[in-house]
Amino acid sequence: MALEVRYSLRARHEQIELLEYIVRNFGQKKAKEIYDKIENTLDQISNMPHMYRVSKRRNGLRKCVFSKQTSIYYRIKEDYIEVVSFRPNRKDPKDFKI
């Protein structure tokens, strides 16, 4: 049974920033492709929440390397998945606060 996917405010804000960046630099069509890829990835996670590894730095988080540039961090709750962050992979891990 698939779990519902919910976003933290931070994750929603980061997703919007990511898509706006793609629109500005690569166009609306590419942003739509990325949005669809995000939705497909989150659909997979909702069906198989344990498919991605547990984060080594943050207890209780799982890390999905979405692309070379971005990872999706999420938590498995009792009856839903909480998307915590869309994080650039090149950002210093010491600056990652949740």
PDB file of N, CA and C in Angstrom:
ATOM      1  N   MET A   1       0.841  -1.187   0.000  1.00  0.00           N
ATOM      2  CA  MET A   1       0.000   0.000   0.000  1.00  0.00           C
ATOM      3  C   MET A   1       0.884   1.247   0.000  1.00  0.00           C
ATOM      4  N   ALA A   2       0.604   2.154  -0.894  1.00  0.00           N
ATOM      5  CA  ALA A   2       1.389   3.382  -1.010  1.00  0.00           C
ATOM      6  C   ALA A   2       1.072   4.331   0.144  1.00  0.00           C
ATOM      7  N   LEU A   3       2.122   4.950   0.649  1.00  0.00           N
ATOM      8  CA  LEU A   3       1.960   5.950   1.701  1.00  0.00           C
ATOM      9  C   LEU A   3       1.757   7.333   1.077  1.00  0.00           C
ATOM     10  N   GLU A   4       1.014   8.177   1.759  1.00  0.00           N
ATOM     11  CA  GLU A   4       0.832   9.551   1.324  1.00  0.00           C
ATOM     12  C   GLU A   4       2.175  10.281   1.416  1.00  0.00           C
ATOM     13  N   VAL A   5       2.432  11.194   0.493  1.00  0.00           N
ATOM     14  CA  VAL A   5       3.645  12.005   0.517  1.00  0.00           C
ATOM     15  C   VAL A   5       3.272  13.415   0.961  1.00  0.00           C
ATOM     16  N   ARG A   6       3.954  13.886   2.002  1.00  0.00           N
ATOM     17  CA  ARG A   6       3.760  15.247   2.499  1.00  0.00           C
ATOM     18  C   ARG A   6       5.087  15.984   2.452  1.00  0.00           C
ATOM     19  N   TYR A   7       5.022  17.280   2.264  1.00  0.00           N
ATOM     20  CA  TYR A   7       6.223  18.106   2.199  1.00  0.00           C
ATOM     21  C   TYR A   7       6.356  18.975   3.443  1.00  0.00           C
ATOM     22  N   SER A   8       7.569  19.126   3.932  1.00  0.00           N
ATOM     23  CA  SER A   8       7.812  20.148   4.946  1.00  0.00           C
ATOM     24  C   SER A   8       7.771  21.494   4.220  1.00  0.00           C
ATOM     25  N   LEU A   9       7.599  22.579   4.962  1.00  0.00           N
ATOM     26  CA  LEU A   9       7.613  23.905   4.335  1.00  0.00           C
ATOM     27  C   LEU A   9       8.944  24.159   3.645  1.00  0.00           C
ATOM     28  N   ARG A  10      10.007  23.728   4.280  1.00  0.00           N
ATOM     29  CA  ARG A  10      11.347  23.885   3.707  1.00  0.00           C
ATOM     30  C   ARG A  10      11.455  23.160   2.365  1.00  0.00           C
ATOM     31  N   ALA A  11      11.002  21.914   2.320  1.00  0.00           N
ATOM     32  CA  ALA A  11      11.090  21.127   1.092  1.00  0.00           C
ATOM     33  C   ALA A  11      10.266  21.767  -0.027  1.00  0.00           C
ATOM     34  N   ARG A  12       9.081  22.238   0.298  1.00  0.00           N
ATOM     35  CA  ARG A  12       8.233  22.871  -0.722  1.00  0.00           C
ATOM     36  C   ARG A  12       8.922  24.122  -1.264  1.00  0.00           C
ATOM     37  N   HIS A  13       9.493  24.916  -0.381  1.00  0.00           N
ATOM     38  CA  HIS A  13      10.203  26.123  -0.791  1.00  0.00           C
ATOM     39  C   HIS A  13      11.409  25.775  -1.681  1.00  0.00           C
ATOM     40  N   GLU A  14      12.172  24.774  -1.284  1.00  0.00           N
ATOM     41  CA  GLU A  14      13.342  24.359  -2.065  1.00  0.00           C
ATOM     42  C   GLU A  14      12.941  23.792  -3.430  1.00  0.00           C
ATOM     43  N   GLN A  15      11.834  23.068  -3.481  1.00  0.00           N
ATOM     44  CA  GLN A  15      11.361  22.536  -4.752  1.00  0.00           C
ATOM     45  C   GLN A  15      10.973  23.673  -5.696  1.00  0.00           C
ATOM     46  N   ILE A  16      10.280  24.662  -5.174  1.00  0.00           N
ATOM     47  CA  ILE A  16       9.892  25.821  -5.987  1.00  0.00           C
ATOM     48  C   ILE A  16      11.127  26.556  -6.491  1.00  0.00           C
ATOM     49  N   GLU A  17      12.111  26.768  -5.612  1.00  0.00           N
ATOM     50  CA  GLU A  17      13.357  27.424  -6.028  1.00  0.00           C
ATOM     51  C   GLU A  17      14.055  26.638  -7.131  1.00  0.00           C
ATOM     52  N   LEU A  18      14.114  25.327  -6.973  1.00  0.00           N
ATOM     53  CA  LEU A  18      14.749  24.478  -7.966  1.00  0.00           C
ATOM     54  C   LEU A  18      14.048  24.605  -9.322  1.00  0.00           C
ATOM     55  N   LEU A  19      12.730  24.508  -9.333  1.00  0.00           N
ATOM     56  CA  LEU A  19      11.979  24.584 -10.579  1.00  0.00           C
ATOM     57  C   LEU A  19      12.060  25.972 -11.206  1.00  0.00           C
ATOM     58  N   GLU A  20      12.057  27.024 -10.386  1.00  0.00           N
ATOM     59  CA  GLU A  20      12.211  28.380 -10.919  1.00  0.00           C
ATOM     60  C   GLU A  20      13.581  28.559 -11.566  1.00  0.00           C
ATOM     61  N   TYR A  21      14.612  28.002 -10.939  1.00  0.00           N
ATOM     62  CA  TYR A  21      15.963  28.058 -11.507  1.00  0.00           C
ATOM     63  C   TYR A  21      15.996  27.361 -12.868  1.00  0.00           C
ATOM     64  N   ILE A  22      15.362  26.214 -12.957  1.00  0.00           N
ATOM     65  CA  ILE A  22      15.347  25.463 -14.213  1.00  0.00           C
ATOM     66  C   ILE A  22      14.588  26.223 -15.290  1.00  0.00           C
ATOM     67  N   VAL A  23      13.467  26.838 -14.926  1.00  0.00           N
ATOM     68  CA  VAL A  23      12.711  27.637 -15.898  1.00  0.00           C
ATOM     69  C   VAL A  23      13.570  28.781 -16.424  1.00  0.00           C
ATOM     70  N   ARG A  24      14.237  29.498 -15.521  1.00  0.00           N
ATOM     71  CA  ARG A  24      15.073  30.642 -15.928  1.00  0.00           C
ATOM     72  C   ARG A  24      16.226  30.227 -16.835  1.00  0.00           C
ATOM     73  N   ASN A  25      16.841  29.095 -16.538  1.00  0.00           N
ATOM     74  CA  ASN A  25      18.057  28.721 -17.240  1.00  0.00           C
ATOM     75  C   ASN A  25      17.872  27.700 -18.366  1.00  0.00           C
ATOM     76  N   PHE A  26      16.792  26.918 -18.311  1.00  0.00           N
ATOM     77  CA  PHE A  26      16.631  25.848 -19.286  1.00  0.00           C
ATOM     78  C   PHE A  26      15.247  25.813 -19.943  1.00  0.00           C
ATOM     79  N   GLY A  27      14.325  26.615 -19.443  1.00  0.00           N
ATOM     80  CA  GLY A  27      13.009  26.714 -20.065  1.00  0.00           C
ATOM     81  C   GLY A  27      11.922  25.909 -19.369  1.00  0.00           C
ATOM     82  N   GLN A  28      10.703  26.251 -19.754  1.00  0.00           N
ATOM     83  CA  GLN A  28       9.495  25.663 -19.169  1.00  0.00           C
ATOM     84  C   GLN A  28       9.407  24.157 -19.437  1.00  0.00           C
ATOM     85  N   LYS A  29       9.771  23.745 -20.651  1.00  0.00           N
ATOM     86  CA  LYS A  29       9.672  22.326 -21.006  1.00  0.00           C
ATOM     87  C   LYS A  29      10.574  21.471 -20.108  1.00  0.00           C
ATOM     88  N   LYS A  30      11.803  21.921 -19.884  1.00  0.00           N
ATOM     89  CA  LYS A  30      12.738  21.178 -19.030  1.00  0.00           C
ATOM     90  C   LYS A  30      12.234  21.149 -17.586  1.00  0.00           C
ATOM     91  N   ALA A  31      11.680  22.267 -17.121  1.00  0.00           N
ATOM     92  CA  ALA A  31      11.137  22.314 -15.755  1.00  0.00           C
ATOM     93  C   ALA A  31       9.991  21.317 -15.602  1.00  0.00           C
ATOM     94  N   LYS A  32       9.153  21.190 -16.612  1.00  0.00           N
ATOM     95  CA  LYS A  32       8.054  20.221 -16.570  1.00  0.00           C
ATOM     96  C   LYS A  32       8.605  18.797 -16.512  1.00  0.00           C
ATOM     97  N   GLU A  33       9.664  18.522 -17.289  1.00  0.00           N
ATOM     98  CA  GLU A  33      10.303  17.200 -17.249  1.00  0.00           C
ATOM     99  C   GLU A  33      10.819  16.884 -15.843  1.00  0.00           C
ATOM    100  N   ILE A  34      11.480  17.856 -15.232  1.00  0.00           N
ATOM    101  CA  ILE A  34      12.032  17.661 -13.886  1.00  0.00           C
ATOM    102  C   ILE A  34      10.907  17.476 -12.880  1.00  0.00           C
ATOM    103  N   TYR A  35       9.863  18.286 -12.985  1.00  0.00           N
ATOM    104  CA  TYR A  35       8.720  18.157 -12.076  1.00  0.00           C
ATOM    105  C   TYR A  35       8.123  16.748 -12.179  1.00  0.00           C
ATOM    106  N   ASP A  36       7.933  16.282 -13.405  1.00  0.00           N
ATOM    107  CA  ASP A  36       7.381  14.930 -13.604  1.00  0.00           C
ATOM    108  C   ASP A  36       8.309  13.865 -13.023  1.00  0.00           C
ATOM    109  N   LYS A  37       9.621  14.050 -13.196  1.00  0.00           N
ATOM    110  CA  LYS A  37      10.588  13.101 -12.647  1.00  0.00           C
ATOM    111  C   LYS A  37      10.527  13.092 -11.116  1.00  0.00           C
ATOM    112  N   ILE A  38      10.377  14.277 -10.510  1.00  0.00           N
ATOM    113  CA  ILE A  38      10.228  14.360  -9.050  1.00  0.00           C
ATOM    114  C   ILE A  38       8.987  13.587  -8.612  1.00  0.00           C
ATOM    115  N   GLU A  39       7.877  13.826  -9.281  1.00  0.00           N
ATOM    116  CA  GLU A  39       6.627  13.154  -8.926  1.00  0.00           C
ATOM    117  C   GLU A  39       6.755  11.636  -9.070  1.00  0.00           C
ATOM    118  N   ASN A  40       7.393  11.177 -10.131  1.00  0.00           N
ATOM    119  CA  ASN A  40       7.587   9.728 -10.331  1.00  0.00           C
ATOM    120  C   ASN A  40       8.480   9.142  -9.238  1.00  0.00           C
ATOM    121  N   THR A  41       9.542   9.854  -8.885  1.00  0.00           N
ATOM    122  CA  THR A  41      10.442   9.391  -7.835  1.00  0.00           C
ATOM    123  C   THR A  41       9.718   9.303  -6.501  1.00  0.00           C
ATOM    124  N   LEU A  42       8.935  10.332  -6.174  1.00  0.00           N
ATOM    125  CA  LEU A  42       8.196  10.320  -4.908  1.00  0.00           C
ATOM    126  C   LEU A  42       7.113   9.241  -4.911  1.00  0.00           C
ATOM    127  N   ASP A  43       6.546   8.957  -6.066  1.00  0.00           N
ATOM    128  CA  ASP A  43       5.579   7.867  -6.168  1.00  0.00           C
ATOM    129  C   ASP A  43       6.259   6.523  -5.873  1.00  0.00           C
ATOM    130  N   GLN A  44       7.467   6.336  -6.399  1.00  0.00           N
ATOM    131  CA  GLN A  44       8.227   5.119  -6.106  1.00  0.00           C
ATOM    132  C   GLN A  44       8.535   5.024  -4.619  1.00  0.00           C
ATOM    133  N   ILE A  45       8.951   6.142  -4.035  1.00  0.00           N
ATOM    134  CA  ILE A  45       9.262   6.158  -2.603  1.00  0.00           C
ATOM    135  C   ILE A  45       8.022   5.824  -1.777  1.00  0.00           C
ATOM    136  N   SER A  46       6.873   6.354  -2.171  1.00  0.00           N
ATOM    137  CA  SER A  46       5.647   6.097  -1.409  1.00  0.00           C
ATOM    138  C   SER A  46       5.257   4.617  -1.455  1.00  0.00           C
ATOM    139  N   ASN A  47       5.621   3.933  -2.533  1.00  0.00           N
ATOM    140  CA  ASN A  47       5.327   2.506  -2.660  1.00  0.00           C
ATOM    141  C   ASN A  47       6.387   1.615  -2.023  1.00  0.00           C
ATOM    142  N   MET A  48       7.640   2.096  -2.030  1.00  0.00           N
ATOM    143  CA  MET A  48       8.757   1.326  -1.458  1.00  0.00           C
ATOM    144  C   MET A  48       9.640   2.270  -0.642  1.00  0.00           C
ATOM    145  N   PRO A  49       9.178   2.711   0.523  1.00  0.00           N
ATOM    146  CA  PRO A  49       9.890   3.751   1.280  1.00  0.00           C
ATOM    147  C   PRO A  49      11.294   3.387   1.736  1.00  0.00           C
ATOM    148  N   HIS A  50      11.606   2.109   1.814  1.00  0.00           N
ATOM    149  CA  HIS A  50      12.926   1.690   2.287  1.00  0.00           C
ATOM    150  C   HIS A  50      13.928   1.494   1.153  1.00  0.00           C
ATOM    151  N   MET A  51      13.573   1.882  -0.065  1.00  0.00           N
ATOM    152  CA  MET A  51      14.424   1.615  -1.217  1.00  0.00           C
ATOM    153  C   MET A  51      15.698   2.453  -1.243  1.00  0.00           C
ATOM    154  N   TYR A  52      15.718   3.583  -0.544  1.00  0.00           N
ATOM    155  CA  TYR A  52      16.919   4.420  -0.489  1.00  0.00           C
ATOM    156  C   TYR A  52      17.579   4.304   0.868  1.00  0.00           C
ATOM    157  N   ARG A  53      18.868   4.526   0.874  1.00  0.00           N
ATOM    158  CA  ARG A  53      19.662   4.296   2.082  1.00  0.00           C
ATOM    159  C   ARG A  53      19.395   5.338   3.165  1.00  0.00           C
ATOM    160  N   VAL A  54      19.671   4.930   4.377  1.00  0.00           N
ATOM    161  CA  VAL A  54      19.563   5.825   5.531  1.00  0.00           C
ATOM    162  C   VAL A  54      20.734   6.797   5.477  1.00  0.00           C
ATOM    163  N   SER A  55      20.467   8.049   5.781  1.00  0.00           N
ATOM    164  CA  SER A  55      21.505   9.073   5.795  1.00  0.00           C
ATOM    165  C   SER A  55      22.519   8.783   6.897  1.00  0.00           C
ATOM    166  N   LYS A  56      23.784   8.969   6.594  1.00  0.00           N
ATOM    167  CA  LYS A  56      24.835   8.758   7.589  1.00  0.00           C
ATOM    168  C   LYS A  56      24.939   9.942   8.546  1.00  0.00           C
ATOM    169  N   ARG A  57      24.471  11.093   8.115  1.00  0.00           N
ATOM    170  CA  ARG A  57      24.636  12.316   8.905  1.00  0.00           C
ATOM    171  C   ARG A  57      23.411  12.668   9.758  1.00  0.00           C
ATOM    172  N   ARG A  58      22.237  12.263   9.312  1.00  0.00           N
ATOM    173  CA  ARG A  58      21.015  12.623  10.027  1.00  0.00           C
ATOM    174  C   ARG A  58      20.211  11.384  10.372  1.00  0.00           C
ATOM    175  N   ASN A  59      20.056  11.128  11.645  1.00  0.00           N
ATOM    176  CA  ASN A  59      19.311   9.976  12.115  1.00  0.00           C
ATOM    177  C   ASN A  59      17.849  10.070  11.669  1.00  0.00           C
ATOM    178  N   GLY A  60      17.326   9.014  11.117  1.00  0.00           N
ATOM    179  CA  GLY A  60      15.922   8.970  10.730  1.00  0.00           C
ATOM    180  C   GLY A  60      15.631   9.474   9.333  1.00  0.00           C
ATOM    181  N   LEU A  61      16.627  10.010   8.637  1.00  0.00           N
ATOM    182  CA  LEU A  61      16.417  10.489   7.275  1.00  0.00           C
ATOM    183  C   LEU A  61      16.926   9.471   6.274  1.00  0.00           C
ATOM    184  N   ARG A  62      16.316   9.462   5.115  1.00  0.00           N
ATOM    185  CA  ARG A  62      16.783   8.659   3.995  1.00  0.00           C
ATOM    186  C   ARG A  62      17.147   9.608   2.865  1.00  0.00           C
ATOM    187  N   LYS A  63      18.118   9.193   2.063  1.00  0.00           N
ATOM    188  CA  LYS A  63      18.631  10.041   1.003  1.00  0.00           C
ATOM    189  C   LYS A  63      18.423   9.381  -0.348  1.00  0.00           C
ATOM    190  N   CYS A  64      17.718  10.082  -1.225  1.00  0.00           N
ATOM    191  CA  CYS A  64      17.523   9.660  -2.604  1.00  0.00           C
ATOM    192  C   CYS A  64      18.351  10.606  -3.474  1.00  0.00           C
ATOM    193  N   VAL A  65      19.381  10.091  -4.127  1.00  0.00           N
ATOM    194  CA  VAL A  65      20.152  10.922  -5.046  1.00  0.00           C
ATOM    195  C   VAL A  65      19.310  11.032  -6.315  1.00  0.00           C
ATOM    196  N   PHE A  66      18.629  12.156  -6.425  1.00  0.00           N
ATOM    197  CA  PHE A  66      17.675  12.393  -7.504  1.00  0.00           C
ATOM    198  C   PHE A  66      18.387  12.677  -8.824  1.00  0.00           C
ATOM    199  N   SER A  67      19.458  13.436  -8.752  1.00  0.00           N
ATOM    200  CA  SER A  67      20.268  13.759  -9.924  1.00  0.00           C
ATOM    201  C   SER A  67      21.686  14.040  -9.457  1.00  0.00           C
ATOM    202  N   LYS A  68      22.557  14.299 -10.396  1.00  0.00           N
ATOM    203  CA  LYS A  68      23.937  14.620 -10.036  1.00  0.00           C
ATOM    204  C   LYS A  68      23.982  15.889  -9.176  1.00  0.00           C
ATOM    205  N   GLN A  69      23.016  16.768  -9.357  1.00  0.00           N
ATOM    206  CA  GLN A  69      22.998  18.041  -8.655  1.00  0.00           C
ATOM    207  C   GLN A  69      22.175  18.057  -7.368  1.00  0.00           C
ATOM    208  N   THR A  70      21.195  17.167  -7.233  1.00  0.00           N
ATOM    209  CA  THR A  70      20.204  17.277  -6.153  1.00  0.00           C
ATOM    210  C   THR A  70      19.887  15.934  -5.505  1.00  0.00           C
ATOM    211  N   SER A  71      19.732  15.962  -4.185  1.00  0.00           N
ATOM    212  CA  SER A  71      19.247  14.801  -3.435  1.00  0.00           C
ATOM    213  C   SER A  71      17.945  15.170  -2.737  1.00  0.00           C
ATOM    214  N   ILE A  72      17.101  14.182  -2.568  1.00  0.00           N
ATOM    215  CA  ILE A  72      15.851  14.355  -1.830  1.00  0.00           C
ATOM    216  C   ILE A  72      16.008  13.621  -0.507  1.00  0.00           C
ATOM    217  N   TYR A  73      15.800  14.342   0.590  1.00  0.00           N
ATOM    218  CA  TYR A  73      15.834  13.738   1.922  1.00  0.00           C
ATOM    219  C   TYR A  73      14.399  13.583   2.407  1.00  0.00           C
ATOM    220  N   TYR A  74      14.109  12.431   2.998  1.00  0.00           N
ATOM    221  CA  TYR A  74      12.758  12.178   3.482  1.00  0.00           C
ATOM    222  C   TYR A  74      12.789  11.304   4.731  1.00  0.00           C
ATOM    223  N   ARG A  75      11.672  11.346   5.465  1.00  0.00           N
ATOM    224  CA  ARG A  75      11.471  10.512   6.652  1.00  0.00           C
ATOM    225  C   ARG A  75      10.278   9.602   6.405  1.00  0.00           C
ATOM    226  N   ILE A  76      10.370   8.427   6.968  1.00  0.00           N
ATOM    227  CA  ILE A  76       9.232   7.511   6.927  1.00  0.00           C
ATOM    228  C   ILE A  76       8.494   7.660   8.253  1.00  0.00           C
ATOM    229  N   LYS A  77       7.282   8.149   8.172  1.00  0.00           N
ATOM    230  CA  LYS A  77       6.424   8.252   9.348  1.00  0.00           C
ATOM    231  C   LYS A  77       5.508   7.034   9.371  1.00  0.00           C
ATOM    232  N   GLU A  78       4.697   6.934  10.406  1.00  0.00           N
ATOM    233  CA  GLU A  78       3.844   5.753  10.553  1.00  0.00           C
ATOM    234  C   GLU A  78       2.905   5.552   9.363  1.00  0.00           C
ATOM    235  N   ASP A  79       2.280   6.630   8.890  1.00  0.00           N
ATOM    236  CA  ASP A  79       1.317   6.478   7.806  1.00  0.00           C
ATOM    237  C   ASP A  79       1.543   7.430   6.630  1.00  0.00           C
ATOM    238  N   TYR A  80       2.722   8.038   6.545  1.00  0.00           N
ATOM    239  CA  TYR A  80       3.045   8.894   5.409  1.00  0.00           C
ATOM    240  C   TYR A  80       4.560   9.070   5.279  1.00  0.00           C
ATOM    241  N   ILE A  81       4.960   9.614   4.143  1.00  0.00           N
ATOM    242  CA  ILE A  81       6.347   9.975   3.870  1.00  0.00           C
ATOM    243  C   ILE A  81       6.446  11.486   3.989  1.00  0.00           C
ATOM    244  N   GLU A  82       7.430  11.973   4.735  1.00  0.00           N
ATOM    245  CA  GLU A  82       7.643  13.417   4.839  1.00  0.00           C
ATOM    246  C   GLU A  82       8.893  13.786   4.047  1.00  0.00           C
ATOM    247  N   VAL A  83       8.713  14.547   2.969  1.00  0.00           N
ATOM    248  CA  VAL A  83       9.844  15.067   2.213  1.00  0.00           C
ATOM    249  C   VAL A  83      10.383  16.250   3.009  1.00  0.00           C
ATOM    250  N   VAL A  84      11.648  16.160   3.396  1.00  0.00           N
ATOM    251  CA  VAL A  84      12.258  17.152   4.287  1.00  0.00           C
ATOM    252  C   VAL A  84      13.023  18.208   3.513  1.00  0.00           C
ATOM    253  N   SER A  85      13.732  17.788   2.452  1.00  0.00           N
ATOM    254  CA  SER A  85      14.588  18.743   1.748  1.00  0.00           C
ATOM    255  C   SER A  85      14.929  18.275   0.343  1.00  0.00           C
ATOM    256  N   PHE A  86      15.036  19.243  -0.572  1.00  0.00           N
ATOM    257  CA  PHE A  86      15.640  19.057  -1.885  1.00  0.00           C
ATOM    258  C   PHE A  86      16.979  19.772  -1.773  1.00  0.00           C
ATOM    259  N   ARG A  87      18.033  19.024  -1.626  1.00  0.00           N
ATOM    260  CA  ARG A  87      19.330  19.601  -1.268  1.00  0.00           C
ATOM    261  C   ARG A  87      20.338  19.502  -2.406  1.00  0.00           C
ATOM    262  N   PRO A  88      21.009  20.631  -2.710  1.00  0.00           N
ATOM    263  CA  PRO A  88      22.094  20.563  -3.703  1.00  0.00           C
ATOM    264  C   PRO A  88      23.220  19.666  -3.193  1.00  0.00           C
ATOM    265  N   ASN A  89      23.715  18.783  -4.018  1.00  0.00           N
ATOM    266  CA  ASN A  89      24.748  17.840  -3.599  1.00  0.00           C
ATOM    267  C   ASN A  89      26.102  18.491  -3.356  1.00  0.00           C
ATOM    268  N   ARG A  90      26.328  19.657  -3.909  1.00  0.00           N
ATOM    269  CA  ARG A  90      27.615  20.323  -3.749  1.00  0.00           C
ATOM    270  C   ARG A  90      27.688  21.223  -2.530  1.00  0.00           C
ATOM    271  N   LYS A  91      26.590  21.352  -1.821  1.00  0.00           N
ATOM    272  CA  LYS A  91      26.572  22.190  -0.619  1.00  0.00           C
ATOM    273  C   LYS A  91      27.312  21.504   0.522  1.00  0.00           C
ATOM    274  N   ASP A  92      27.984  22.278   1.344  1.00  0.00           N
ATOM    275  CA  ASP A  92      28.753  21.739   2.472  1.00  0.00           C
ATOM    276  C   ASP A  92      27.813  21.036   3.450  1.00  0.00           C
ATOM    277  N   PRO A  93      28.051  19.747   3.748  1.00  0.00           N
ATOM    278  CA  PRO A  93      27.178  19.000   4.660  1.00  0.00           C
ATOM    279  C   PRO A  93      27.098  19.603   6.062  1.00  0.00           C
ATOM    280  N   LYS A  94      28.112  20.332   6.474  1.00  0.00           N
ATOM    281  CA  LYS A  94      28.097  20.953   7.804  1.00  0.00           C
ATOM    282  C   LYS A  94      27.016  22.023   7.904  1.00  0.00           C
ATOM    283  N   ASP A  95      26.604  22.584   6.758  1.00  0.00           N
ATOM    284  CA  ASP A  95      25.576  23.633   6.739  1.00  0.00           C
ATOM    285  C   ASP A  95      24.167  23.074   6.666  1.00  0.00           C
ATOM    286  N   PHE A  96      24.032  21.754   6.648  1.00  0.00           N
ATOM    287  CA  PHE A  96      22.727  21.123   6.496  1.00  0.00           C
ATOM    288  C   PHE A  96      22.063  21.000   7.869  1.00  0.00           C
ATOM    289  N   LYS A  97      21.064  21.831   8.100  1.00  0.00           N
ATOM    290  CA  LYS A  97      20.316  21.810   9.354  1.00  0.00           C
ATOM    291  C   LYS A  97      18.853  21.556   9.068  1.00  0.00           C
ATOM    292  N   ILE A  98      18.281  20.641   9.833  1.00  0.00           N
ATOM    293  CA  ILE A  98      16.849  20.346   9.673  1.00  0.00           C
ATOM    294  C   ILE A  98      16.141  20.618  10.982  1.00  0.00           C
TER     295      ILE A  98
END
